[in-house]
Amino acid sequence: MDTTRLVFLTVLVLLNIAFVFGWLWAVRRHRLSGRPTVGDVLIGAGTDFLDTLGIGSFAPSTALFKFRGRPADELIPGTLNVGHNVAAFLETLLFVTAVTVDPTLLACTVASAALGAWLGAGVVSRLPRRTIQIFMGIALLIAAAFFLIRIFDKLPPGGTEFALHGWRFAVAVGINFVLGALMCIGIGNYAPSMIIFALLGMHPLAAFPIMMGSDGLVQPAFFPKSVAEIAVSLRIIRSEGDRLTVGGDRGINLVLCFQTQS
């Protein structure tokens, strides 16, 4: 394993350890409680199973949240980022070690996404309920359009590259910064990433470690700011997040079983 990927995975592990300690601190500081139901576990397992296949988890989770009427709209972004974090961590380990993409491109795109999330989290936490509802609708429309594109096989064909240089490198890093910020409001990065990296000439598989790696750093980067800004609402976010985490682990384990047997 090259040095860049080793450093990236080390940072990933340390950041997620900090995430766990931050979660435990939040539990004690705000006296949080909550137990997952069967439905909660099924949502986490199903959406993170789809996530590992490259379909995404944010849009399906949002649709199911809206269908059952909870959590409240303004709590959905925090619930998505906190609840799916453990699954994103496992997916990052899986794809970063299984698919070899240019380490410099991987490090820069992932770092830009994390920076976008760090700056975006504080903004999202202060947005009014109506604005978040509008963004939720946009996210679902984007996901629906992407599903139709995949169903009718209209995705850009992509290329054979596992690295980018020059202006294409700069475009990829800049766009990933924007996608990291948008994740804070519940807009997933999978659909736009798949299309953008294909248009830049990359192999379809090359997008996976970048997408997963971005999620692996973005979601724990989102957590501390969301805790600081929305401590009053954290009780519900943590409760819902617990439920997604329990189910998400099951979904990832199922995919790993398929990977091992194939």
C-alpha atoms as a PDB file:
ATOM      1  CA  MET A   1       0.000   0.000   0.000  1.00  0.00           C
ATOM      2  CA  ASP A   2       1.360   3.439  -0.973  1.00  0.00           C
ATOM      3  CA  THR A   3       2.171   6.051   1.669  1.00  0.00           C
ATOM      4  CA  THR A   4      -0.645   8.438   0.695  1.00  0.00           C
ATOM      5  CA  ARG A   5      -3.352   5.814   1.073  1.00  0.00           C
ATOM      6  CA  LEU A   6      -1.825   4.624   4.348  1.00  0.00           C
ATOM      7  CA  VAL A   7      -1.875   8.187   5.715  1.00  0.00           C
ATOM      8  CA  PHE A   8      -5.445   8.657   4.475  1.00  0.00           C
ATOM      9  CA  LEU A   9      -6.655   5.462   6.147  1.00  0.00           C
ATOM     10  CA  THR A  10      -4.856   6.428   9.363  1.00  0.00           C
ATOM     11  CA  VAL A  11      -6.588   9.828   9.378  1.00  0.00           C
ATOM     12  CA  LEU A  12      -9.885   8.104   8.609  1.00  0.00           C
ATOM     13  CA  VAL A  13      -9.541   5.738  11.555  1.00  0.00           C
ATOM     14  CA  LEU A  14      -8.447   8.487  13.969  1.00  0.00           C
ATOM     15  CA  LEU A  15     -11.269  10.785  12.874  1.00  0.00           C
ATOM     16  CA  ASN A  16     -13.853   8.071  13.350  1.00  0.00           C
ATOM     17  CA  ILE A  17     -12.448   7.204  16.776  1.00  0.00           C
ATOM     18  CA  ALA A  18     -12.899  10.887  17.635  1.00  0.00           C
ATOM     19  CA  PHE A  19     -16.431  10.630  16.242  1.00  0.00           C
ATOM     20  CA  VAL A  20     -17.227   7.766  18.630  1.00  0.00           C
ATOM     21  CA  PHE A  21     -15.866   9.677  21.618  1.00  0.00           C
ATOM     22  CA  GLY A  22     -17.813  12.746  20.518  1.00  0.00           C
ATOM     23  CA  TRP A  23     -20.971  10.660  20.311  1.00  0.00           C
ATOM     24  CA  LEU A  24     -20.420   9.251  23.799  1.00  0.00           C
ATOM     25  CA  TRP A  25     -19.769  12.775  25.095  1.00  0.00           C
ATOM     26  CA  ALA A  26     -23.025  13.964  23.518  1.00  0.00           C
ATOM     27  CA  VAL A  27     -24.923  11.116  25.151  1.00  0.00           C
ATOM     28  CA  ARG A  28     -23.762  12.123  28.614  1.00  0.00           C
ATOM     29  CA  ARG A  29     -23.785  15.879  28.075  1.00  0.00           C
ATOM     30  CA  HIS A  30     -27.351  16.010  26.744  1.00  0.00           C
ATOM     31  CA  ARG A  31     -28.715  12.907  28.525  1.00  0.00           C
ATOM     32  CA  LEU A  32     -29.766  11.221  25.304  1.00  0.00           C
ATOM     33  CA  SER A  33     -31.717   7.999  25.004  1.00  0.00           C
ATOM     34  CA  GLY A  34     -33.484   5.899  22.396  1.00  0.00           C
ATOM     35  CA  ARG A  35     -33.725   2.348  21.162  1.00  0.00           C
ATOM     36  CA  PRO A  36     -34.072   1.225  17.540  1.00  0.00           C
ATOM     37  CA  THR A  37     -37.218  -0.474  16.305  1.00  0.00           C
ATOM     38  CA  VAL A  38     -37.318  -3.202  13.659  1.00  0.00           C
ATOM     39  CA  GLY A  39     -38.341  -0.595  11.089  1.00  0.00           C
ATOM     40  CA  ASP A  40     -35.367   1.608  11.981  1.00  0.00           C
ATOM     41  CA  VAL A  41     -32.948  -1.292  11.578  1.00  0.00           C
ATOM     42  CA  LEU A  42     -34.481  -2.240   8.228  1.00  0.00           C
ATOM     43  CA  ILE A  43     -34.100   1.325   6.936  1.00  0.00           C
ATOM     44  CA  GLY A  44     -30.445   1.404   7.937  1.00  0.00           C
ATOM     45  CA  ALA A  45     -29.716  -2.055   6.514  1.00  0.00           C
ATOM     46  CA  GLY A  46     -31.573  -1.507   3.259  1.00  0.00           C
ATOM     47  CA  THR A  47     -30.306   1.975   2.452  1.00  0.00           C
ATOM     48  CA  ASP A  48     -26.671   1.197   3.321  1.00  0.00           C
ATOM     49  CA  PHE A  49     -26.846  -1.988   1.256  1.00  0.00           C
ATOM     50  CA  LEU A  50     -27.928   0.201  -1.694  1.00  0.00           C
ATOM     51  CA  ASP A  51     -25.189   2.664  -0.753  1.00  0.00           C
ATOM     52  CA  THR A  52     -22.489   0.036  -1.135  1.00  0.00           C
ATOM     53  CA  LEU A  53     -23.817  -0.851  -4.578  1.00  0.00           C
ATOM     54  CA  GLY A  54     -23.416   2.791  -5.647  1.00  0.00           C
ATOM     55  CA  ILE A  55     -27.105   3.753  -5.520  1.00  0.00           C
ATOM     56  CA  GLY A  56     -26.792   5.938  -2.432  1.00  0.00           C
ATOM     57  CA  SER A  57     -28.394   6.013   1.003  1.00  0.00           C
ATOM     58  CA  PHE A  58     -29.421   9.649   1.549  1.00  0.00           C
ATOM     59  CA  ALA A  59     -32.297   9.828  -0.943  1.00  0.00           C
ATOM     60  CA  PRO A  60     -33.870   6.461   0.019  1.00  0.00           C
ATOM     61  CA  SER A  61     -33.527   7.311   3.715  1.00  0.00           C
ATOM     62  CA  THR A  62     -35.076  10.738   3.189  1.00  0.00           C
ATOM     63  CA  ALA A  63     -37.993   9.238   1.251  1.00  0.00           C
ATOM     64  CA  LEU A  64     -38.627   6.672   3.992  1.00  0.00           C
ATOM     65  CA  PHE A  65     -38.366   9.339   6.698  1.00  0.00           C
ATOM     66  CA  LYS A  66     -40.955  11.438   4.882  1.00  0.00           C
ATOM     67  CA  PHE A  67     -43.197   8.408   4.376  1.00  0.00           C
ATOM     68  CA  ARG A  68     -43.288   7.529   8.070  1.00  0.00           C
ATOM     69  CA  GLY A  69     -43.395  11.147   9.274  1.00  0.00           C
ATOM     70  CA  ARG A  70     -40.239  11.294  11.385  1.00  0.00           C
ATOM     71  CA  PRO A  71     -37.752  12.719  12.148  1.00  0.00           C
ATOM     72  CA  ALA A  72     -38.718  16.353  11.590  1.00  0.00           C
ATOM     73  CA  ASP A  73     -37.483  17.845   8.324  1.00  0.00           C
ATOM     74  CA  GLU A  74     -34.946  20.136   9.987  1.00  0.00           C
ATOM     75  CA  LEU A  75     -33.362  17.107  11.705  1.00  0.00           C
ATOM     76  CA  ILE A  76     -33.011  14.946   8.590  1.00  0.00           C
ATOM     77  CA  PRO A  77     -29.590  16.303   7.444  1.00  0.00           C
ATOM     78  CA  GLY A  78     -28.009  15.658  10.843  1.00  0.00           C
ATOM     79  CA  THR A  79     -29.685  12.259  11.124  1.00  0.00           C
ATOM     80  CA  LEU A  80     -28.387  11.188   7.710  1.00  0.00           C
ATOM     81  CA  ASN A  81     -24.799  12.263   8.319  1.00  0.00           C
ATOM     82  CA  VAL A  82     -24.552  10.929  11.868  1.00  0.00           C
ATOM     83  CA  GLY A  83     -26.589   7.764  11.371  1.00  0.00           C
ATOM     84  CA  HIS A  84     -24.850   6.598   8.192  1.00  0.00           C
ATOM     85  CA  ASN A  85     -21.337   7.414   9.395  1.00  0.00           C
ATOM     86  CA  VAL A  86     -20.317   3.940  10.597  1.00  0.00           C
ATOM     87  CA  ALA A  87     -21.483   2.380   7.338  1.00  0.00           C
ATOM     88  CA  ALA A  88     -19.577   5.044   5.370  1.00  0.00           C
ATOM     89  CA  PHE A  89     -16.444   4.235   7.369  1.00  0.00           C
ATOM     90  CA  LEU A  90     -16.694   0.537   6.498  1.00  0.00           C
ATOM     91  CA  GLU A  91     -17.425   1.279   2.845  1.00  0.00           C
ATOM     92  CA  THR A  92     -14.395   3.568   2.672  1.00  0.00           C
ATOM     93  CA  LEU A  93     -12.111   0.841   3.986  1.00  0.00           C
ATOM     94  CA  LEU A  94     -13.606  -1.615   1.499  1.00  0.00           C
ATOM     95  CA  PHE A  95     -13.279   0.486  -1.664  1.00  0.00           C
ATOM     96  CA  VAL A  96     -10.095   2.419  -0.916  1.00  0.00           C
ATOM     97  CA  THR A  97      -8.238  -0.866  -0.412  1.00  0.00           C
ATOM     98  CA  ALA A  98      -9.975  -2.731  -3.269  1.00  0.00           C
ATOM     99  CA  VAL A  99      -9.856  -0.115  -6.053  1.00  0.00           C
ATOM    100  CA  THR A 100      -6.573   1.598  -6.913  1.00  0.00           C
ATOM    101  CA  VAL A 101      -7.091   5.240  -7.827  1.00  0.00           C
ATOM    102  CA  ASP A 102      -4.394   7.923  -8.038  1.00  0.00           C
ATOM    103  CA  PRO A 103      -3.485   8.611  -4.377  1.00  0.00           C
ATOM    104  CA  THR A 104      -2.960  12.360  -4.895  1.00  0.00           C
ATOM    105  CA  LEU A 105      -6.374  12.713  -6.538  1.00  0.00           C
ATOM    106  CA  LEU A 106      -7.977  10.650  -3.778  1.00  0.00           C
ATOM    107  CA  ALA A 107      -6.379  12.682  -0.981  1.00  0.00           C
ATOM    108  CA  CYS A 108      -7.176  16.096  -2.509  1.00  0.00           C
ATOM    109  CA  THR A 109     -10.788  15.345  -3.477  1.00  0.00           C
ATOM    110  CA  VAL A 110     -11.581  13.793  -0.120  1.00  0.00           C
ATOM    111  CA  ALA A 111      -9.908  16.635   1.804  1.00  0.00           C
ATOM    112  CA  SER A 112     -11.847  19.234  -0.200  1.00  0.00           C
ATOM    113  CA  ALA A 113     -15.131  17.432   0.510  1.00  0.00           C
ATOM    114  CA  ALA A 114     -14.346  17.341   4.235  1.00  0.00           C
ATOM    115  CA  LEU A 115     -13.528  21.064   4.208  1.00  0.00           C
ATOM    116  CA  GLY A 116     -16.785  21.789   2.405  1.00  0.00           C
ATOM    117  CA  ALA A 117     -18.693  19.809   5.020  1.00  0.00           C
ATOM    118  CA  TRP A 118     -16.940  21.564   7.897  1.00  0.00           C
ATOM    119  CA  LEU A 119     -17.848  24.978   6.521  1.00  0.00           C
ATOM    120  CA  GLY A 120     -21.333  23.924   5.449  1.00  0.00           C
ATOM    121  CA  ALA A 121     -22.411  22.318   8.724  1.00  0.00           C
ATOM    122  CA  GLY A 122     -22.647  25.600  10.584  1.00  0.00           C
ATOM    123  CA  VAL A 123     -24.707  27.133   7.784  1.00  0.00           C
ATOM    124  CA  VAL A 124     -27.134  24.207   7.578  1.00  0.00           C
ATOM    125  CA  SER A 125     -27.751  24.163  11.326  1.00  0.00           C
ATOM    126  CA  ARG A 126     -29.068  27.750  11.138  1.00  0.00           C
ATOM    127  CA  LEU A 127     -31.317  27.301   8.105  1.00  0.00           C
ATOM    128  CA  PRO A 128     -35.081  27.611   8.635  1.00  0.00           C
ATOM    129  CA  ARG A 129     -37.292  24.553   8.314  1.00  0.00           C
ATOM    130  CA  ARG A 130     -38.781  25.681   4.972  1.00  0.00           C
ATOM    131  CA  THR A 131     -35.374  26.075   3.322  1.00  0.00           C
ATOM    132  CA  ILE A 132     -34.341  22.593   4.416  1.00  0.00           C
ATOM    133  CA  GLN A 133     -37.604  21.198   3.035  1.00  0.00           C
ATOM    134  CA  ILE A 134     -36.831  22.788  -0.330  1.00  0.00           C
ATOM    135  CA  PHE A 135     -33.367  21.246  -0.387  1.00  0.00           C
ATOM    136  CA  MET A 136     -34.834  17.874   0.575  1.00  0.00           C
ATOM    137  CA  GLY A 137     -37.132  18.105  -2.427  1.00  0.00           C
ATOM    138  CA  ILE A 138     -34.191  18.976  -4.695  1.00  0.00           C
ATOM    139  CA  ALA A 139     -32.227  16.014  -3.339  1.00  0.00           C
ATOM    140  CA  LEU A 140     -35.088  13.616  -4.075  1.00  0.00           C
ATOM    141  CA  LEU A 141     -35.526  15.020  -7.592  1.00  0.00           C
ATOM    142  CA  ILE A 142     -31.802  14.570  -8.282  1.00  0.00           C
ATOM    143  CA  ALA A 143     -31.957  10.995  -7.016  1.00  0.00           C
ATOM    144  CA  ALA A 144     -35.059  10.239  -9.106  1.00  0.00           C
ATOM    145  CA  ALA A 145     -33.380  11.625 -12.230  1.00  0.00           C
ATOM    146  CA  PHE A 146     -30.267   9.535 -11.535  1.00  0.00           C
ATOM    147  CA  PHE A 147     -32.331   6.359 -11.068  1.00  0.00           C
ATOM    148  CA  LEU A 148     -34.039   6.972 -14.434  1.00  0.00           C
ATOM    149  CA  ILE A 149     -30.672   7.601 -16.095  1.00  0.00           C
ATOM    150  CA  ARG A 150     -29.363   4.299 -14.755  1.00  0.00           C
ATOM    151  CA  ILE A 151     -32.527   2.376 -15.622  1.00  0.00           C
ATOM    152  CA  PHE A 152     -32.390   3.547 -19.242  1.00  0.00           C
ATOM    153  CA  ASP A 153     -28.583   3.171 -19.382  1.00  0.00           C
ATOM    154  CA  LYS A 154     -27.972   6.818 -20.256  1.00  0.00           C
ATOM    155  CA  LEU A 155     -25.001   7.434 -17.969  1.00  0.00           C
ATOM    156  CA  PRO A 156     -21.937   8.936 -19.669  1.00  0.00           C
ATOM    157  CA  PRO A 157     -19.765   6.018 -20.801  1.00  0.00           C
ATOM    158  CA  GLY A 158     -16.714   7.248 -18.915  1.00  0.00           C
ATOM    159  CA  GLY A 159     -13.158   6.377 -19.802  1.00  0.00           C
ATOM    160  CA  THR A 160     -10.337   4.220 -18.569  1.00  0.00           C
ATOM    161  CA  GLU A 161      -8.477   6.694 -16.375  1.00  0.00           C
ATOM    162  CA  PHE A 162      -7.804   6.196 -12.665  1.00  0.00           C
ATOM    163  CA  ALA A 163      -6.045   9.566 -12.385  1.00  0.00           C
ATOM    164  CA  LEU A 164      -6.665  13.167 -13.456  1.00  0.00           C
ATOM    165  CA  HIS A 165      -4.219  15.951 -14.294  1.00  0.00           C
ATOM    166  CA  GLY A 166      -4.253  19.652 -15.050  1.00  0.00           C
ATOM    167  CA  TRP A 167      -7.623  21.402 -15.279  1.00  0.00           C
ATOM    168  CA  ARG A 168      -9.536  18.147 -14.873  1.00  0.00           C
ATOM    169  CA  PHE A 169      -7.802  17.578 -11.527  1.00  0.00           C
ATOM    170  CA  ALA A 170      -8.733  21.097 -10.380  1.00  0.00           C
ATOM    171  CA  VAL A 171     -12.355  20.650 -11.500  1.00  0.00           C
ATOM    172  CA  ALA A 172     -12.662  17.362  -9.596  1.00  0.00           C
ATOM    173  CA  VAL A 173     -11.281  18.900  -6.388  1.00  0.00           C
ATOM    174  CA  GLY A 174     -13.486  21.991  -6.674  1.00  0.00           C
ATOM    175  CA  ILE A 175     -16.657  20.042  -7.368  1.00  0.00           C
ATOM    176  CA  ASN A 176     -15.974  17.687  -4.474  1.00  0.00           C
ATOM    177  CA  PHE A 177     -15.761  20.718  -2.159  1.00  0.00           C
ATOM    178  CA  VAL A 178     -19.253  21.749  -3.257  1.00  0.00           C
ATOM    179  CA  LEU A 179     -20.588  18.197  -2.909  1.00  0.00           C
ATOM    180  CA  GLY A 180     -19.181  17.973   0.617  1.00  0.00           C
ATOM    181  CA  ALA A 181     -21.037  21.150   1.576  1.00  0.00           C
ATOM    182  CA  LEU A 182     -24.260  19.903  -0.032  1.00  0.00           C
ATOM    183  CA  MET A 183     -24.086  16.639   1.916  1.00  0.00           C
ATOM    184  CA  CYS A 184     -24.650  18.666   5.073  1.00  0.00           C
ATOM    185  CA  ILE A 185     -28.119  19.503   3.852  1.00  0.00           C
ATOM    186  CA  GLY A 186     -28.936  15.954   2.843  1.00  0.00           C
ATOM    187  CA  ILE A 187     -27.990  15.978  -0.862  1.00  0.00           C
ATOM    188  CA  GLY A 188     -25.970  12.826  -1.519  1.00  0.00           C
ATOM    189  CA  ASN A 189     -22.793  12.893  -3.590  1.00  0.00           C
ATOM    190  CA  TYR A 190     -23.176   9.597  -5.480  1.00  0.00           C
ATOM    191  CA  ALA A 191     -25.302  10.649  -8.457  1.00  0.00           C
ATOM    192  CA  PRO A 192     -23.362  13.845  -9.274  1.00  0.00           C
ATOM    193  CA  SER A 193     -20.009  12.137  -8.612  1.00  0.00           C
ATOM    194  CA  MET A 194     -20.738   9.238 -10.961  1.00  0.00           C
ATOM    195  CA  ILE A 195     -21.742  11.616 -13.753  1.00  0.00           C
ATOM    196  CA  ILE A 196     -18.986  14.194 -13.229  1.00  0.00           C
ATOM    197  CA  PHE A 197     -16.112  11.703 -13.000  1.00  0.00           C
ATOM    198  CA  ALA A 198     -17.418   9.883 -16.074  1.00  0.00           C
ATOM    199  CA  LEU A 199     -17.500  13.175 -17.996  1.00  0.00           C
ATOM    200  CA  LEU A 200     -13.920  13.839 -16.872  1.00  0.00           C
ATOM    201  CA  GLY A 201     -12.900  10.561 -18.496  1.00  0.00           C
ATOM    202  CA  MET A 202     -12.454   8.357 -15.441  1.00  0.00           C
ATOM    203  CA  HIS A 203     -13.271   4.673 -15.233  1.00  0.00           C
ATOM    204  CA  PRO A 204     -16.637   4.081 -13.487  1.00  0.00           C
ATOM    205  CA  LEU A 205     -14.933   2.127 -10.694  1.00  0.00           C
ATOM    206  CA  ALA A 206     -12.562   5.032 -10.003  1.00  0.00           C
ATOM    207  CA  ALA A 207     -15.440   7.093  -8.635  1.00  0.00           C
ATOM    208  CA  PHE A 208     -16.164   4.630  -5.825  1.00  0.00           C
ATOM    209  CA  PRO A 209     -13.133   5.164  -3.546  1.00  0.00           C
ATOM    210  CA  ILE A 210     -13.497   8.939  -4.009  1.00  0.00           C
ATOM    211  CA  MET A 211     -17.227   8.874  -3.198  1.00  0.00           C
ATOM    212  CA  MET A 212     -16.812   6.517  -0.254  1.00  0.00           C
ATOM    213  CA  GLY A 213     -13.695   8.272   0.999  1.00  0.00           C
ATOM    214  CA  SER A 214     -15.503  11.612   0.888  1.00  0.00           C
ATOM    215  CA  ASP A 215     -18.369  10.167   2.926  1.00  0.00           C
ATOM    216  CA  GLY A 216     -15.949   8.577   5.371  1.00  0.00           C
ATOM    217  CA  LEU A 217     -14.439  11.969   6.237  1.00  0.00           C
ATOM    218  CA  VAL A 218     -17.387  14.279   5.547  1.00  0.00           C
ATOM    219  CA  GLN A 219     -19.816  12.684   7.979  1.00  0.00           C
ATOM    220  CA  PRO A 220     -17.572  12.720  11.071  1.00  0.00           C
ATOM    221  CA  ALA A 221     -16.426  16.229  10.060  1.00  0.00           C
ATOM    222  CA  PHE A 222     -20.081  17.295  10.056  1.00  0.00           C
ATOM    223  CA  PHE A 223     -20.721  15.928  13.563  1.00  0.00           C
ATOM    224  CA  PRO A 224     -18.816  18.302  15.901  1.00  0.00           C
ATOM    225  CA  LYS A 225     -20.231  21.439  14.296  1.00  0.00           C
ATOM    226  CA  SER A 226     -23.728  20.033  14.291  1.00  0.00           C
ATOM    227  CA  VAL A 227     -23.343  19.229  17.992  1.00  0.00           C
ATOM    228  CA  ALA A 228     -22.142  22.730  18.767  1.00  0.00           C
ATOM    229  CA  GLU A 229     -24.832  24.460  16.718  1.00  0.00           C
ATOM    230  CA  ILE A 230     -27.912  22.329  17.373  1.00  0.00           C
ATOM    231  CA  ALA A 231     -27.464  20.895  20.827  1.00  0.00           C
ATOM    232  CA  VAL A 232     -31.149  21.423  21.557  1.00  0.00           C
ATOM    233  CA  SER A 233     -32.147  19.104  18.701  1.00  0.00           C
ATOM    234  CA  LEU A 234     -29.354  16.590  19.278  1.00  0.00           C
ATOM    235  CA  ARG A 235     -31.560  14.295  21.357  1.00  0.00           C
ATOM    236  CA  ILE A 236     -33.610  13.326  18.303  1.00  0.00           C
ATOM    237  CA  ILE A 237     -30.643  13.271  15.904  1.00  0.00           C
ATOM    238  CA  ARG A 238     -28.704  10.919  18.134  1.00  0.00           C
ATOM    239  CA  SER A 239     -31.704   8.672  18.708  1.00  0.00           C
ATOM    240  CA  GLU A 240     -32.445   8.392  14.987  1.00  0.00           C
ATOM    241  CA  GLY A 241     -28.718   8.104  14.237  1.00  0.00           C
ATOM    242  CA  ASP A 242     -28.394   5.123  16.549  1.00  0.00           C
ATOM    243  CA  ARG A 243     -31.120   3.357  14.637  1.00  0.00           C
ATOM    244  CA  LEU A 244     -29.585   3.947  11.223  1.00  0.00           C
ATOM    245  CA  THR A 245     -26.174   2.853  12.521  1.00  0.00           C
ATOM    246  CA  VAL A 246     -27.481  -0.474  13.839  1.00  0.00           C
ATOM    247  CA  GLY A 247     -29.199  -1.260  10.554  1.00  0.00           C
ATOM    248  CA  GLY A 248     -26.400   0.111   8.389  1.00  0.00           C
ATOM    249  CA  ASP A 249     -23.882  -2.281   9.894  1.00  0.00           C
ATOM    250  CA  ARG A 250     -26.116  -5.173   8.881  1.00  0.00           C
ATOM    251  CA  GLY A 251     -26.362  -3.921   5.306  1.00  0.00           C
ATOM    252  CA  ILE A 252     -22.602  -3.537   4.954  1.00  0.00           C
ATOM    253  CA  ASN A 253     -22.007  -6.983   6.444  1.00  0.00           C
ATOM    254  CA  LEU A 254     -24.344  -8.454   3.835  1.00  0.00           C
ATOM    255  CA  VAL A 255     -22.410  -6.836   0.987  1.00  0.00           C
ATOM    256  CA  LEU A 256     -19.105  -7.973   2.468  1.00  0.00           C
ATOM    257  CA  CYS A 257     -20.422 -11.525   2.489  1.00  0.00           C
ATOM    258  CA  PHE A 258     -21.200 -11.234  -1.221  1.00  0.00           C
ATOM    259  CA  GLN A 259     -17.732  -9.774  -1.850  1.00  0.00           C
ATOM    260  CA  THR A 260     -16.061 -12.627  -0.011  1.00  0.00           C
ATOM    261  CA  GLN A 261     -17.974 -15.312  -1.851  1.00  0.00           C
ATOM    262  CA  SER A 262     -17.510 -13.784  -5.322  1.00  0.00           C
END
